[in-house]
Amino acid sequence: MMNRKLFILSLILMHLAGGGSRVSIPYGLTFGQSIYFLFLLAFTLDFIQITLFFFLYSKASHLRYVKRLKDIFNKRKTRNKFLIWVKRFVLLEIFVIAASPFWGGGVWTSVLLAYLTKTRKILAYLIISAGLIFCMTIISIIAKTIIHVAGHTI
């Protein structure tokens, strides 16, 4: 077993390097770490990322591409059926994107959608957090099952 501090550092780096809880939770479970410790660490890192991405998106709002996206999402009257559907179910979409255990979902994309649709921040935090907890639960169940079938941890 590797040094505990080194393990935690490697877990944080794996989480922040783009893998998120999809990588850090199975990695920690493989090394026999407590699921509660892994949930707490992954959720804390994701919560910090939510704040960071809201900040970055607000600072990037002056860029032409971001302005154009915001204008498209916030038009009062639109004939685009896809955008009408997006506006109607935006809270559910934010949750599903945050809860998605696949790449392309997660914190970055759900915060971007919440920012573009001008969802209130407190509501966005709650919905994204609920989606992340759901995602971490799914990942943990799958990883625990695979480790149990394989018969051992490292």
Foldseek 3Di string as FASTA:
>chain_A
DDDPVVLVVVLLCCCVVQQQLLPSQLVCVLQPHDLVVSVVVSLVSLLVVLVVLLVVLVVCCVPPVNVVLLCVLPDPDDPPPVSVVCLVCVLVVLLCQCLDSDRVRHRNVSSSSCVSNVPPPVSSSVSSSNSPVNNSVVSNVVSVVVCVVVPHHD
